[in-house]
Amino acid sequence: EELARRAIRSASYDSAQRRHRPTCSAKTRVKIQKSLRPWPSDRTAGPVRLLSGWTGTGKTTLAQTMAEYWAEQGWLAAVFFFSRSEADRSSTAWFAGTILHQL
Protein backbone atom coordinates (compact mmCIF):
# COMPACT_ATOMS: atom_id res chain seq x y z
CA GLU A 1 0.00 0.00 0.00
CA GLU A 2 2.84 2.37 0.84
CA LEU A 3 4.51 1.76 -2.53
CA ALA A 4 1.20 2.29 -4.32
CA ARG A 5 0.98 5.76 -2.76
CA ARG A 6 4.49 6.53 -4.03
CA ALA A 7 3.86 5.38 -7.59
CA ILE A 8 2.47 7.01 -10.69
CA ARG A 9 0.38 4.56 -12.65
CA SER A 10 0.33 6.76 -15.77
CA ALA A 11 4.08 6.16 -16.24
CA SER A 12 3.55 2.49 -17.12
CA TYR A 13 3.73 1.27 -20.72
CA ASP A 14 0.13 -0.01 -20.59
CA SER A 15 -1.49 2.87 -18.72
CA ALA A 16 -4.82 4.04 -20.11
CA GLN A 17 -3.96 7.45 -18.63
CA ARG A 18 -1.17 8.02 -21.15
CA ARG A 19 -2.76 10.07 -23.90
CA HIS A 20 -0.55 8.86 -26.69
CA ARG A 21 0.98 5.38 -26.67
CA PRO A 22 2.73 5.15 -30.02
CA THR A 23 4.03 1.88 -31.42
CA CYS A 24 6.23 1.23 -34.41
CA SER A 25 4.37 0.71 -37.64
CA ALA A 26 4.99 -2.51 -39.52
CA LYS A 27 8.35 -2.58 -41.30
CA THR A 28 9.72 0.45 -39.44
CA ARG A 29 12.77 0.44 -37.19
CA VAL A 30 13.02 -3.30 -37.88
CA LYS A 31 16.81 -3.45 -37.54
CA ILE A 32 16.79 -1.63 -34.19
CA GLN A 33 13.91 -3.73 -32.86
CA LYS A 34 15.65 -6.93 -33.90
CA SER A 35 18.84 -5.87 -32.10
CA LEU A 36 16.93 -4.95 -28.91
CA ARG A 37 14.54 -7.91 -28.65
CA PRO A 38 16.96 -10.42 -27.06
CA TRP A 39 18.51 -7.87 -24.69
CA PRO A 40 16.65 -8.92 -21.48
CA SER A 41 17.71 -12.55 -21.88
CA ASP A 42 21.29 -11.77 -22.96
CA ARG A 43 23.49 -12.34 -19.92
CA THR A 44 26.41 -10.57 -21.62
CA ALA A 45 24.41 -7.35 -22.15
CA GLY A 46 24.49 -4.57 -19.59
CA PRO A 47 21.53 -3.82 -17.33
CA VAL A 48 20.70 -0.47 -18.96
CA ARG A 49 20.15 0.60 -22.56
CA LEU A 50 20.13 4.25 -23.55
CA LEU A 51 18.05 5.48 -26.47
CA SER A 52 19.29 8.84 -27.64
CA GLY A 53 18.47 11.10 -30.54
CA TRP A 54 16.87 14.33 -31.58
CA THR A 55 13.32 15.23 -30.61
CA GLY A 56 10.79 13.46 -32.78
CA THR A 57 13.08 10.67 -33.99
CA GLY A 58 11.00 7.89 -32.43
CA LYS A 59 12.70 7.08 -29.13
CA THR A 60 9.42 6.88 -27.19
CA THR A 61 7.74 4.97 -30.00
CA LEU A 62 10.56 2.43 -30.02
CA ALA A 63 10.56 2.16 -26.22
CA GLN A 64 6.78 1.61 -26.18
CA THR A 65 7.02 -1.06 -28.87
CA MET A 66 9.82 -2.86 -27.05
CA ALA A 67 8.02 -2.65 -23.69
CA GLU A 68 4.97 -4.30 -25.24
CA TYR A 69 7.11 -7.00 -26.84
CA TRP A 70 9.04 -7.73 -23.64
CA ALA A 71 5.81 -7.82 -21.62
CA GLU A 72 4.41 -10.41 -24.06
CA GLN A 73 7.57 -12.48 -23.57
CA GLY A 74 7.29 -12.19 -19.77
CA TRP A 75 10.58 -10.28 -19.62
CA LEU A 76 9.39 -6.79 -18.64
CA ALA A 77 9.98 -6.09 -14.96
CA ALA A 78 9.21 -2.37 -14.72
CA VAL A 79 9.12 0.75 -16.83
CA PHE A 80 8.71 4.50 -16.39
CA PHE A 81 7.77 6.76 -19.30
CA PHE A 82 8.70 10.35 -18.55
CA SER A 83 6.69 13.22 -20.01
CA ARG A 84 7.53 16.91 -20.07
CA SER A 85 3.84 17.80 -20.32
CA GLU A 86 2.81 16.02 -17.09
CA ALA A 87 4.26 17.40 -13.86
CA ASP A 88 4.43 14.08 -11.99
CA ARG A 89 6.17 12.37 -14.90
CA SER A 90 8.55 15.19 -15.76
CA SER A 91 10.88 14.74 -12.80
CA THR A 92 12.63 11.86 -11.10
CA ALA A 93 10.76 12.40 -7.82
CA TRP A 94 8.32 9.54 -8.47
CA PHE A 95 10.65 7.29 -10.43
CA ALA A 96 11.95 5.00 -7.65
CA GLY A 97 8.55 4.49 -6.02
CA THR A 98 6.95 3.71 -9.37
CA ILE A 99 9.60 1.19 -10.36
CA LEU A 100 9.52 -0.48 -6.94
CA HIS A 101 5.72 -0.68 -7.04
CA GLN A 102 5.84 -2.38 -10.46
CA LEU A 103 8.46 -4.86 -9.28
PDB file of N, CA and C in Angstrom:
ATOM      1  N   GLU A   1       0.824  -1.196   0.000  1.00  0.00           N
ATOM      2  CA  GLU A   1       0.000   0.000   0.000  1.00  0.00           C
ATOM      3  C   GLU A   1       0.864   1.254   0.000  1.00  0.00           C
ATOM      4  N   GLU A   2       1.951   1.215   0.774  1.00  0.00           N
ATOM      5  CA  GLU A   2       2.838   2.372   0.835  1.00  0.00           C
ATOM      6  C   GLU A   2       3.473   2.641  -0.531  1.00  0.00           C
ATOM      7  N   LEU A   3       3.919   1.588  -1.202  1.00  0.00           N
ATOM      8  CA  LEU A   3       4.512   1.765  -2.528  1.00  0.00           C
ATOM      9  C   LEU A   3       3.485   2.282  -3.526  1.00  0.00           C
ATOM     10  N   ALA A   4       2.253   1.826  -3.412  1.00  0.00           N
ATOM     11  CA  ALA A   4       1.198   2.290  -4.320  1.00  0.00           C
ATOM     12  C   ALA A   4       0.987   3.796  -4.188  1.00  0.00           C
ATOM     13  N   ARG A   5       1.136   4.317  -2.969  1.00  0.00           N
ATOM     14  CA  ARG A   5       0.981   5.764  -2.760  1.00  0.00           C
ATOM     15  C   ARG A   5       2.165   6.548  -3.321  1.00  0.00           C
ATOM     16  N   ARG A   6       3.284   5.874  -3.516  1.00  0.00           N
ATOM     17  CA  ARG A   6       4.489   6.531  -4.028  1.00  0.00           C
ATOM     18  C   ARG A   6       4.737   6.246  -5.504  1.00  0.00           C
ATOM     19  N   ALA A   7       3.723   5.736  -6.177  1.00  0.00           N
ATOM     20  CA  ALA A   7       3.861   5.375  -7.592  1.00  0.00           C
ATOM     21  C   ALA A   7       2.909   6.180  -8.457  1.00  0.00           C
ATOM     22  N   ILE A   8       3.315   6.345  -9.698  1.00  0.00           N
ATOM     23  CA  ILE A   8       2.472   7.013 -10.690  1.00  0.00           C
ATOM     24  C   ILE A   8       2.088   5.965 -11.725  1.00  0.00           C
ATOM     25  N   ARG A   9       0.834   5.609 -11.741  1.00  0.00           N
ATOM     26  CA  ARG A   9       0.384   4.559 -12.655  1.00  0.00           C
ATOM     27  C   ARG A   9       0.440   4.990 -14.127  1.00  0.00           C
ATOM     28  N   SER A  10       0.328   6.275 -14.380  1.00  0.00           N
ATOM     29  CA  SER A  10       0.330   6.756 -15.768  1.00  0.00           C
ATOM     30  C   SER A  10       1.700   6.645 -16.433  1.00  0.00           C
ATOM     31  N   ALA A  11       2.737   6.289 -15.670  1.00  0.00           N
ATOM     32  CA  ALA A  11       4.080   6.161 -16.243  1.00  0.00           C
ATOM     33  C   ALA A  11       4.322   4.774 -16.830  1.00  0.00           C
ATOM     34  N   SER A  12       3.394   3.854 -16.621  1.00  0.00           N
ATOM     35  CA  SER A  12       3.547   2.493 -17.122  1.00  0.00           C
ATOM     36  C   SER A  12       3.298   2.409 -18.624  1.00  0.00           C
ATOM     37  N   TYR A  13       3.877   1.426 -19.262  1.00  0.00           N
ATOM     38  CA  TYR A  13       3.726   1.271 -20.719  1.00  0.00           C
ATOM     39  C   TYR A  13       2.285   0.981 -21.127  1.00  0.00           C
ATOM     40  N   ASP A  14       1.500   0.381 -20.242  1.00  0.00           N
ATOM     41  CA  ASP A  14       0.130  -0.012 -20.592  1.00  0.00           C
ATOM     42  C   ASP A  14      -0.944   0.841 -19.904  1.00  0.00           C
ATOM     43  N   SER A  15      -0.555   1.997 -19.411  1.00  0.00           N
ATOM     44  CA  SER A  15      -1.491   2.867 -18.717  1.00  0.00           C
ATOM     45  C   SER A  15      -2.500   3.498 -19.669  1.00  0.00           C
ATOM     46  N   ALA A  16      -3.758   3.389 -19.320  1.00  0.00           N
ATOM     47  CA  ALA A  16      -4.820   4.039 -20.106  1.00  0.00           C
ATOM     48  C   ALA A  16      -4.753   5.550 -19.932  1.00  0.00           C
ATOM     49  N   GLN A  17      -4.062   6.015 -18.902  1.00  0.00           N
ATOM     50  CA  GLN A  17      -3.959   7.446 -18.634  1.00  0.00           C
ATOM     51  C   GLN A  17      -2.982   8.154 -19.572  1.00  0.00           C
ATOM     52  N   ARG A  18      -2.076   7.397 -20.188  1.00  0.00           N
ATOM     53  CA  ARG A  18      -1.167   8.019 -21.152  1.00  0.00           C
ATOM     54  C   ARG A  18      -1.945   8.339 -22.401  1.00  0.00           C
ATOM     55  N   ARG A  19      -1.961   9.602 -22.758  1.00  0.00           N
ATOM     56  CA  ARG A  19      -2.759  10.068 -23.895  1.00  0.00           C
ATOM     57  C   ARG A  19      -2.332   9.453 -25.218  1.00  0.00           C
ATOM     58  N   HIS A  20      -1.056   9.338 -25.399  1.00  0.00           N
ATOM     59  CA  HIS A  20      -0.548   8.863 -26.688  1.00  0.00           C
ATOM     60  C   HIS A  20       0.455   7.743 -26.429  1.00  0.00           C
ATOM     61  N   ARG A  21       0.078   6.526 -26.821  1.00  0.00           N
ATOM     62  CA  ARG A  21       0.983   5.381 -26.669  1.00  0.00           C
ATOM     63  C   ARG A  21       1.361   4.888 -28.060  1.00  0.00           C
ATOM     64  N   PRO A  22       2.361   5.510 -28.653  1.00  0.00           N
ATOM     65  CA  PRO A  22       2.727   5.148 -30.021  1.00  0.00           C
ATOM     66  C   PRO A  22       3.432   3.801 -30.090  1.00  0.00           C
ATOM     67  N   THR A  23       3.261   3.100 -31.172  1.00  0.00           N
ATOM     68  CA  THR A  23       4.025   1.884 -31.419  1.00  0.00           C
ATOM     69  C   THR A  23       4.553   1.947 -32.846  1.00  0.00           C
ATOM     70  N   CYS A  24       5.625   1.235 -33.079  1.00  0.00           N
ATOM     71  CA  CYS A  24       6.234   1.234 -34.407  1.00  0.00           C
ATOM     72  C   CYS A  24       5.288   0.617 -35.423  1.00  0.00           C
ATOM     73  N   SER A  25       5.159   1.257 -36.542  1.00  0.00           N
ATOM     74  CA  SER A  25       4.371   0.709 -37.640  1.00  0.00           C
ATOM     75  C   SER A  25       5.117  -0.489 -38.231  1.00  0.00           C
ATOM     76  N   ALA A  26       4.373  -1.344 -38.891  1.00  0.00           N
ATOM     77  CA  ALA A  26       4.990  -2.508 -39.519  1.00  0.00           C
ATOM     78  C   ALA A  26       6.119  -2.074 -40.452  1.00  0.00           C
ATOM     79  N   LYS A  27       7.184  -2.800 -40.435  1.00  0.00           N
ATOM     80  CA  LYS A  27       8.346  -2.582 -41.296  1.00  0.00           C
ATOM     81  C   LYS A  27       9.094  -1.285 -41.017  1.00  0.00           C
ATOM     82  N   THR A  28       8.935  -0.728 -39.812  1.00  0.00           N
ATOM     83  CA  THR A  28       9.719   0.453 -39.436  1.00  0.00           C
ATOM     84  C   THR A  28      10.616   0.097 -38.254  1.00  0.00           C
ATOM     85  N   ARG A  29      11.781   0.662 -38.243  1.00  0.00           N
ATOM     86  CA  ARG A  29      12.766   0.442 -37.185  1.00  0.00           C
ATOM     87  C   ARG A  29      13.038  -1.048 -36.943  1.00  0.00           C
ATOM     88  N   VAL A  30      12.892  -1.847 -37.987  1.00  0.00           N
ATOM     89  CA  VAL A  30      13.022  -3.298 -37.883  1.00  0.00           C
ATOM     90  C   VAL A  30      14.407  -3.703 -37.385  1.00  0.00           C
ATOM     91  N   LYS A  31      15.441  -3.100 -37.919  1.00  0.00           N
ATOM     92  CA  LYS A  31      16.811  -3.447 -37.538  1.00  0.00           C
ATOM     93  C   LYS A  31      17.063  -3.150 -36.054  1.00  0.00           C
ATOM     94  N   ILE A  32      16.597  -2.003 -35.597  1.00  0.00           N
ATOM     95  CA  ILE A  32      16.790  -1.631 -34.189  1.00  0.00           C
ATOM     96  C   ILE A  32      15.987  -2.566 -33.292  1.00  0.00           C
ATOM     97  N   GLN A  33      14.729  -2.831 -33.655  1.00  0.00           N
ATOM     98  CA  GLN A  33      13.906  -3.733 -32.857  1.00  0.00           C
ATOM     99  C   GLN A  33      14.550  -5.114 -32.757  1.00  0.00           C
ATOM    100  N   LYS A  34      15.036  -5.605 -33.874  1.00  0.00           N
ATOM    101  CA  LYS A  34      15.654  -6.926 -33.904  1.00  0.00           C
ATOM    102  C   LYS A  34      16.874  -6.977 -32.992  1.00  0.00           C
ATOM    103  N   SER A  35      17.642  -5.899 -32.953  1.00  0.00           N
ATOM    104  CA  SER A  35      18.836  -5.873 -32.103  1.00  0.00           C
ATOM    105  C   SER A  35      18.475  -5.764 -30.615  1.00  0.00           C
ATOM    106  N   LEU A  36      17.330  -5.137 -30.309  1.00  0.00           N
ATOM    107  CA  LEU A  36      16.931  -4.950 -28.913  1.00  0.00           C
ATOM    108  C   LEU A  36      16.152  -6.130 -28.339  1.00  0.00           C
ATOM    109  N   ARG A  37      15.425  -6.852 -29.152  1.00  0.00           N
ATOM    110  CA  ARG A  37      14.541  -7.912 -28.652  1.00  0.00           C
ATOM    111  C   ARG A  37      15.199  -8.880 -27.682  1.00  0.00           C
ATOM    112  N   PRO A  38      16.376  -9.433 -27.982  1.00  0.00           N
ATOM    113  CA  PRO A  38      16.960 -10.422 -27.060  1.00  0.00           C
ATOM    114  C   PRO A  38      17.663  -9.824 -25.840  1.00  0.00           C
ATOM    115  N   TRP A  39      17.740  -8.518 -25.754  1.00  0.00           N
ATOM    116  CA  TRP A  39      18.509  -7.873 -24.691  1.00  0.00           C
ATOM    117  C   TRP A  39      18.182  -8.368 -23.284  1.00  0.00           C
ATOM    118  N   PRO A  40      16.914  -8.485 -22.865  1.00  0.00           N
ATOM    119  CA  PRO A  40      16.654  -8.920 -21.484  1.00  0.00           C
ATOM    120  C   PRO A  40      17.154 -10.330 -21.162  1.00  0.00           C
ATOM    121  N   SER A  41      17.259 -11.178 -22.146  1.00  0.00           N
ATOM    122  CA  SER A  41      17.708 -12.549 -21.884  1.00  0.00           C
ATOM    123  C   SER A  41      19.193 -12.746 -22.185  1.00  0.00           C
ATOM    124  N   ASP A  42      19.865 -11.692 -22.634  1.00  0.00           N
ATOM    125  CA  ASP A  42      21.291 -11.771 -22.964  1.00  0.00           C
ATOM    126  C   ASP A  42      22.128 -11.473 -21.720  1.00  0.00           C
ATOM    127  N   ARG A  43      22.714 -12.504 -21.165  1.00  0.00           N
ATOM    128  CA  ARG A  43      23.491 -12.344 -19.924  1.00  0.00           C
ATOM    129  C   ARG A  43      24.772 -11.535 -20.120  1.00  0.00           C
ATOM    130  N   THR A  44      25.203 -11.356 -21.360  1.00  0.00           N
ATOM    131  CA  THR A  44      26.405 -10.568 -21.617  1.00  0.00           C
ATOM    132  C   THR A  44      26.093  -9.088 -21.809  1.00  0.00           C
ATOM    133  N   ALA A  45      24.813  -8.755 -21.955  1.00  0.00           N
ATOM    134  CA  ALA A  45      24.412  -7.353 -22.152  1.00  0.00           C
ATOM    135  C   ALA A  45      24.365  -6.636 -20.802  1.00  0.00           C
ATOM    136  N   GLY A  46      24.564  -5.359 -20.821  1.00  0.00           N
ATOM    137  CA  GLY A  46      24.492  -4.570 -19.592  1.00  0.00           C
ATOM    138  C   GLY A  46      23.059  -4.405 -19.121  1.00  0.00           C
ATOM    139  N   PRO A  47      22.875  -3.934 -17.902  1.00  0.00           N
ATOM    140  CA  PRO A  47      21.530  -3.817 -17.330  1.00  0.00           C
ATOM    141  C   PRO A  47      20.728  -2.615 -17.818  1.00  0.00           C
ATOM    142  N   VAL A  48      21.378  -1.688 -18.516  1.00  0.00           N
ATOM    143  CA  VAL A  48      20.700  -0.468 -18.958  1.00  0.00           C
ATOM    144  C   VAL A  48      20.995  -0.237 -20.432  1.00  0.00           C
ATOM    145  N   ARG A  49      19.975   0.201 -21.162  1.00  0.00           N
ATOM    146  CA  ARG A  49      20.155   0.602 -22.560  1.00  0.00           C
ATOM    147  C   ARG A  49      19.697   2.046 -22.673  1.00  0.00           C
ATOM    148  N   LEU A  50      20.452   2.842 -23.369  1.00  0.00           N
ATOM    149  CA  LEU A  50      20.131   4.250 -23.551  1.00  0.00           C
ATOM    150  C   LEU A  50      19.705   4.487 -24.990  1.00  0.00           C
ATOM    151  N   LEU A  51      18.520   5.046 -25.152  1.00  0.00           N
ATOM    152  CA  LEU A  51      18.054   5.476 -26.469  1.00  0.00           C
ATOM    153  C   LEU A  51      18.283   6.974 -26.545  1.00  0.00           C
ATOM    154  N   SER A  52      19.036   7.404 -27.510  1.00  0.00           N
ATOM    155  CA  SER A  52      19.290   8.838 -27.641  1.00  0.00           C
ATOM    156  C   SER A  52      19.024   9.279 -29.067  1.00  0.00           C
ATOM    157  N   GLY A  53      18.736  10.541 -29.213  1.00  0.00           N
ATOM    158  CA  GLY A  53      18.475  11.097 -30.536  1.00  0.00           C
ATOM    159  C   GLY A  53      17.724  12.400 -30.417  1.00  0.00           C
ATOM    160  N   TRP A  54      17.577  13.060 -31.533  1.00  0.00           N
ATOM    161  CA  TRP A  54      16.870  14.334 -31.584  1.00  0.00           C
ATOM    162  C   TRP A  54      15.389  14.147 -31.264  1.00  0.00           C
ATOM    163  N   THR A  55      14.757  15.217 -30.853  1.00  0.00           N
ATOM    164  CA  THR A  55      13.319  15.227 -30.610  1.00  0.00           C
ATOM    165  C   THR A  55      12.585  14.773 -31.872  1.00  0.00           C
ATOM    166  N   GLY A  56      11.622  13.896 -31.664  1.00  0.00           N
ATOM    167  CA  GLY A  56      10.793  13.461 -32.780  1.00  0.00           C
ATOM    168  C   GLY A  56      11.376  12.348 -33.630  1.00  0.00           C
ATOM    169  N   THR A  57      12.462  11.725 -33.177  1.00  0.00           N
ATOM    170  CA  THR A  57      13.079  10.673 -33.986  1.00  0.00           C
ATOM    171  C   THR A  57      12.551   9.280 -33.663  1.00  0.00           C
ATOM    172  N   GLY A  58      11.641   9.179 -32.693  1.00  0.00           N
ATOM    173  CA  GLY A  58      10.997   7.894 -32.425  1.00  0.00           C
ATOM    174  C   GLY A  58      11.490   7.122 -31.221  1.00  0.00           C
ATOM    175  N   LYS A  59      12.190   7.779 -30.315  1.00  0.00           N
ATOM    176  CA  LYS A  59      12.699   7.076 -29.131  1.00  0.00           C
ATOM    177  C   LYS A  59      11.561   6.519 -28.277  1.00  0.00           C
ATOM    178  N   THR A  60      10.554   7.326 -28.002  1.00  0.00           N
ATOM    179  CA  THR A  60       9.416   6.884 -27.193  1.00  0.00           C
ATOM    180  C   THR A  60       8.623   5.805 -27.920  1.00  0.00           C
ATOM    181  N   THR A  61       8.460   5.964 -29.198  1.00  0.00           N
ATOM    182  CA  THR A  61       7.744   4.965 -29.998  1.00  0.00           C
ATOM    183  C   THR A  61       8.472   3.629 -29.938  1.00  0.00           C
ATOM    184  N   LEU A  62       9.766   3.656 -30.088  1.00  0.00           N
ATOM    185  CA  LEU A  62      10.562   2.435 -30.019  1.00  0.00           C
ATOM    186  C   LEU A  62      10.503   1.829 -28.614  1.00  0.00           C
ATOM    187  N   ALA A  63      10.625   2.657 -27.597  1.00  0.00           N
ATOM    188  CA  ALA A  63      10.561   2.163 -26.217  1.00  0.00           C
ATOM    189  C   ALA A  63       9.199   1.544 -25.916  1.00  0.00           C
ATOM    190  N   GLN A  64       8.132   2.150 -26.384  1.00  0.00           N
ATOM    191  CA  GLN A  64       6.783   1.614 -26.181  1.00  0.00           C
ATOM    192  C   GLN A  64       6.635   0.257 -26.875  1.00  0.00           C
ATOM    193  N   THR A  65       7.100   0.180 -28.102  1.00  0.00           N
ATOM    194  CA  THR A  65       7.023  -1.060 -28.872  1.00  0.00           C
ATOM    195  C   THR A  65       7.809  -2.170 -28.180  1.00  0.00           C
ATOM    196  N   MET A  66       9.000  -1.849 -27.717  1.00  0.00           N
ATOM    197  CA  MET A  66       9.820  -2.864 -27.055  1.00  0.00           C
ATOM    198  C   MET A  66       9.223  -3.269 -25.707  1.00  0.00           C
ATOM    199  N   ALA A  67       8.661  -2.323 -24.967  1.00  0.00           N
ATOM    200  CA  ALA A  67       8.022  -2.655 -23.685  1.00  0.00           C
ATOM    201  C   ALA A  67       6.869  -3.628 -23.907  1.00  0.00           C
ATOM    202  N   GLU A  68       6.083  -3.391 -24.933  1.00  0.00           N
ATOM    203  CA  GLU A  68       4.971  -4.299 -25.237  1.00  0.00           C
ATOM    204  C   GLU A  68       5.489  -5.687 -25.620  1.00  0.00           C
ATOM    205  N   TYR A  69       6.535  -5.719 -26.431  1.00  0.00           N
ATOM    206  CA  TYR A  69       7.114  -7.002 -26.841  1.00  0.00           C
ATOM    207  C   TYR A  69       7.656  -7.761 -25.631  1.00  0.00           C
ATOM    208  N   TRP A  70       8.453  -7.076 -24.809  1.00  0.00           N
ATOM    209  CA  TRP A  70       9.043  -7.734 -23.643  1.00  0.00           C
ATOM    210  C   TRP A  70       7.983  -8.179 -22.647  1.00  0.00           C
ATOM    211  N   ALA A  71       6.909  -7.410 -22.509  1.00  0.00           N
ATOM    212  CA  ALA A  71       5.808  -7.823 -21.624  1.00  0.00           C
ATOM    213  C   ALA A  71       5.170  -9.111 -22.144  1.00  0.00           C
ATOM    214  N   GLU A  72       4.968  -9.191 -23.454  1.00  0.00           N
ATOM    215  CA  GLU A  72       4.405 -10.410 -24.058  1.00  0.00           C
ATOM    216  C   GLU A  72       5.296 -11.620 -23.804  1.00  0.00           C
ATOM    217  N   GLN A  73       6.606 -11.394 -23.786  1.00  0.00           N
ATOM    218  CA  GLN A  73       7.569 -12.475 -23.565  1.00  0.00           C
ATOM    219  C   GLN A  73       7.718 -12.818 -22.072  1.00  0.00           C
ATOM    220  N   GLY A  74       7.138 -11.992 -21.207  1.00  0.00           N
ATOM    221  CA  GLY A  74       7.289 -12.185 -19.766  1.00  0.00           C
ATOM    222  C   GLY A  74       8.616 -11.674 -19.233  1.00  0.00           C
ATOM    223  N   TRP A  75       9.261 -10.793 -19.993  1.00  0.00           N
ATOM    224  CA  TRP A  75      10.576 -10.276 -19.619  1.00  0.00           C
ATOM    225  C   TRP A  75      10.535  -8.886 -18.998  1.00  0.00           C
ATOM    226  N   LEU A  76       9.438  -8.176 -19.104  1.00  0.00           N
ATOM    227  CA  LEU A  76       9.391  -6.788 -18.635  1.00  0.00           C
ATOM    228  C   LEU A  76       9.170  -6.760 -17.127  1.00  0.00           C
ATOM    229  N   ALA A  77      10.100  -6.177 -16.418  1.00  0.00           N
ATOM    230  CA  ALA A  77       9.983  -6.086 -14.962  1.00  0.00           C
ATOM    231  C   ALA A  77       9.305  -4.778 -14.556  1.00  0.00           C
ATOM    232  N   ALA A  78       9.768  -3.669 -15.082  1.00  0.00           N
ATOM    233  CA  ALA A  78       9.215  -2.369 -14.715  1.00  0.00           C
ATOM    234  C   ALA A  78       9.619  -1.347 -15.762  1.00  0.00           C
ATOM    235  N   VAL A  79       8.840  -0.283 -15.857  1.00  0.00           N
ATOM    236  CA  VAL A  79       9.120   0.754 -16.833  1.00  0.00           C
ATOM    237  C   VAL A  79       8.568   2.086 -16.324  1.00  0.00           C
ATOM    238  N   PHE A  80       9.194   3.169 -16.737  1.00  0.00           N
ATOM    239  CA  PHE A  80       8.715   4.504 -16.386  1.00  0.00           C
ATOM    240  C   PHE A  80       8.854   5.375 -17.619  1.00  0.00           C
ATOM    241  N   PHE A  81       7.744   5.852 -18.151  1.00  0.00           N
ATOM    242  CA  PHE A  81       7.766   6.761 -19.295  1.00  0.00           C
ATOM    243  C   PHE A  81       7.645   8.187 -18.774  1.00  0.00           C
ATOM    244  N   PHE A  82       8.707   8.952 -18.938  1.00  0.00           N
ATOM    245  CA  PHE A  82       8.700  10.355 -18.549  1.00  0.00           C
ATOM    246  C   PHE A  82       7.899  11.160 -19.563  1.00  0.00           C
ATOM    247  N   SER A  83       7.422  12.332 -19.128  1.00  0.00           N
ATOM    248  CA  SER A  83       6.687  13.224 -20.011  1.00  0.00           C
ATOM    249  C   SER A  83       6.881  14.660 -19.546  1.00  0.00           C
ATOM    250  N   ARG A  84       7.338  15.495 -20.430  1.00  0.00           N
ATOM    251  CA  ARG A  84       7.528  16.907 -20.073  1.00  0.00           C
ATOM    252  C   ARG A  84       6.204  17.618 -19.824  1.00  0.00           C
ATOM    253  N   SER A  85       5.129  17.120 -20.420  1.00  0.00           N
ATOM    254  CA  SER A  85       3.835  17.798 -20.319  1.00  0.00           C
ATOM    255  C   SER A  85       3.030  17.392 -19.084  1.00  0.00           C
ATOM    256  N   GLU A  86       3.512  16.431 -18.305  1.00  0.00           N
ATOM    257  CA  GLU A  86       2.813  16.025 -17.086  1.00  0.00           C
ATOM    258  C   GLU A  86       3.759  16.189 -15.900  1.00  0.00           C
ATOM    259  N   ALA A  87       3.384  17.034 -14.969  1.00  0.00           N
ATOM    260  CA  ALA A  87       4.261  17.400 -13.858  1.00  0.00           C
ATOM    261  C   ALA A  87       4.816  16.197 -13.100  1.00  0.00           C
ATOM    262  N   ASP A  88       3.969  15.233 -12.764  1.00  0.00           N
ATOM    263  CA  ASP A  88       4.431  14.079 -11.992  1.00  0.00           C
ATOM    264  C   ASP A  88       5.419  13.211 -12.762  1.00  0.00           C
ATOM    265  N   ARG A  89       5.294  13.205 -14.080  1.00  0.00           N
ATOM    266  CA  ARG A  89       6.167  12.367 -14.896  1.00  0.00           C
ATOM    267  C   ARG A  89       7.322  13.134 -15.528  1.00  0.00           C
ATOM    268  N   SER A  90       7.480  14.389 -15.158  1.00  0.00           N
ATOM    269  CA  SER A  90       8.546  15.188 -15.763  1.00  0.00           C
ATOM    270  C   SER A  90       9.787  15.290 -14.869  1.00  0.00           C
ATOM    271  N   SER A  91       9.718  14.723 -13.682  1.00  0.00           N
ATOM    272  CA  SER A  91      10.884  14.743 -12.798  1.00  0.00           C
ATOM    273  C   SER A  91      11.148  13.325 -12.289  1.00  0.00           C
ATOM    274  N   THR A  92      12.268  13.173 -11.637  1.00  0.00           N
ATOM    275  CA  THR A  92      12.634  11.856 -11.104  1.00  0.00           C
ATOM    276  C   THR A  92      12.040  11.593  -9.721  1.00  0.00           C
ATOM    277  N   ALA A  93      11.286  12.521  -9.182  1.00  0.00           N
ATOM    278  CA  ALA A  93      10.763  12.397  -7.818  1.00  0.00           C
ATOM    279  C   ALA A  93       9.937  11.126  -7.600  1.00  0.00           C
ATOM    280  N   TRP A  94       9.193  10.707  -8.605  1.00  0.00           N
ATOM    281  CA  TRP A  94       8.319   9.543  -8.470  1.00  0.00           C
ATOM    282  C   TRP A  94       8.915   8.279  -9.091  1.00  0.00           C
ATOM    283  N   PHE A  95      10.067   8.402  -9.689  1.00  0.00           N
ATOM    284  CA  PHE A  95      10.652   7.293 -10.430  1.00  0.00           C
ATOM    285  C   PHE A  95      10.876   6.037  -9.565  1.00  0.00           C
ATOM    286  N   ALA A  96      11.607   6.168  -8.477  1.00  0.00           N
ATOM    287  CA  ALA A  96      11.947   4.997  -7.647  1.00  0.00           C
ATOM    288  C   ALA A  96      10.698   4.308  -7.100  1.00  0.00           C
ATOM    289  N   GLY A  97       9.772   5.078  -6.566  1.00  0.00           N
ATOM    290  CA  GLY A  97       8.551   4.494  -6.016  1.00  0.00           C
ATOM    291  C   GLY A  97       7.735   3.768  -7.073  1.00  0.00           C
ATOM    292  N   THR A  98       7.697   4.326  -8.279  1.00  0.00           N
ATOM    293  CA  THR A  98       6.946   3.706  -9.372  1.00  0.00           C
ATOM    294  C   THR A  98       7.582   2.400  -9.805  1.00  0.00           C
ATOM    295  N   ILE A  99       8.893   2.415  -9.964  1.00  0.00           N
ATOM    296  CA  ILE A  99       9.605   1.185 -10.362  1.00  0.00           C
ATOM    297  C   ILE A  99       9.465   0.124  -9.289  1.00  0.00           C
ATOM    298  N   LEU A 100       9.653   0.479  -8.038  1.00  0.00           N
ATOM    299  CA  LEU A 100       9.519  -0.483  -6.940  1.00  0.00           C
ATOM    300  C   LEU A 100       8.096  -1.051  -6.866  1.00  0.00           C
ATOM    301  N   HIS A 101       7.111  -0.221  -7.065  1.00  0.00           N
ATOM    302  CA  HIS A 101       5.717  -0.684  -7.042  1.00  0.00           C
ATOM    303  C   HIS A 101       5.477  -1.704  -8.167  1.00  0.00           C
ATOM    304  N   GLN A 102       6.018  -1.451  -9.348  1.00  0.00           N
ATOM    305  CA  GLN A 102       5.837  -2.380 -10.459  1.00  0.00           C
ATOM    306  C   GLN A 102       6.572  -3.704 -10.209  1.00  0.00           C
ATOM    307  N   LEU A 103       7.719  -3.623  -9.569  1.00  0.00           N
ATOM    308  CA  LEU A 103       8.461  -4.858  -9.277  1.00  0.00           C
ATOM    309  C   LEU A 103       7.732  -5.698  -8.259  1.00  0.00           C
TER     310      LEU A 103
END
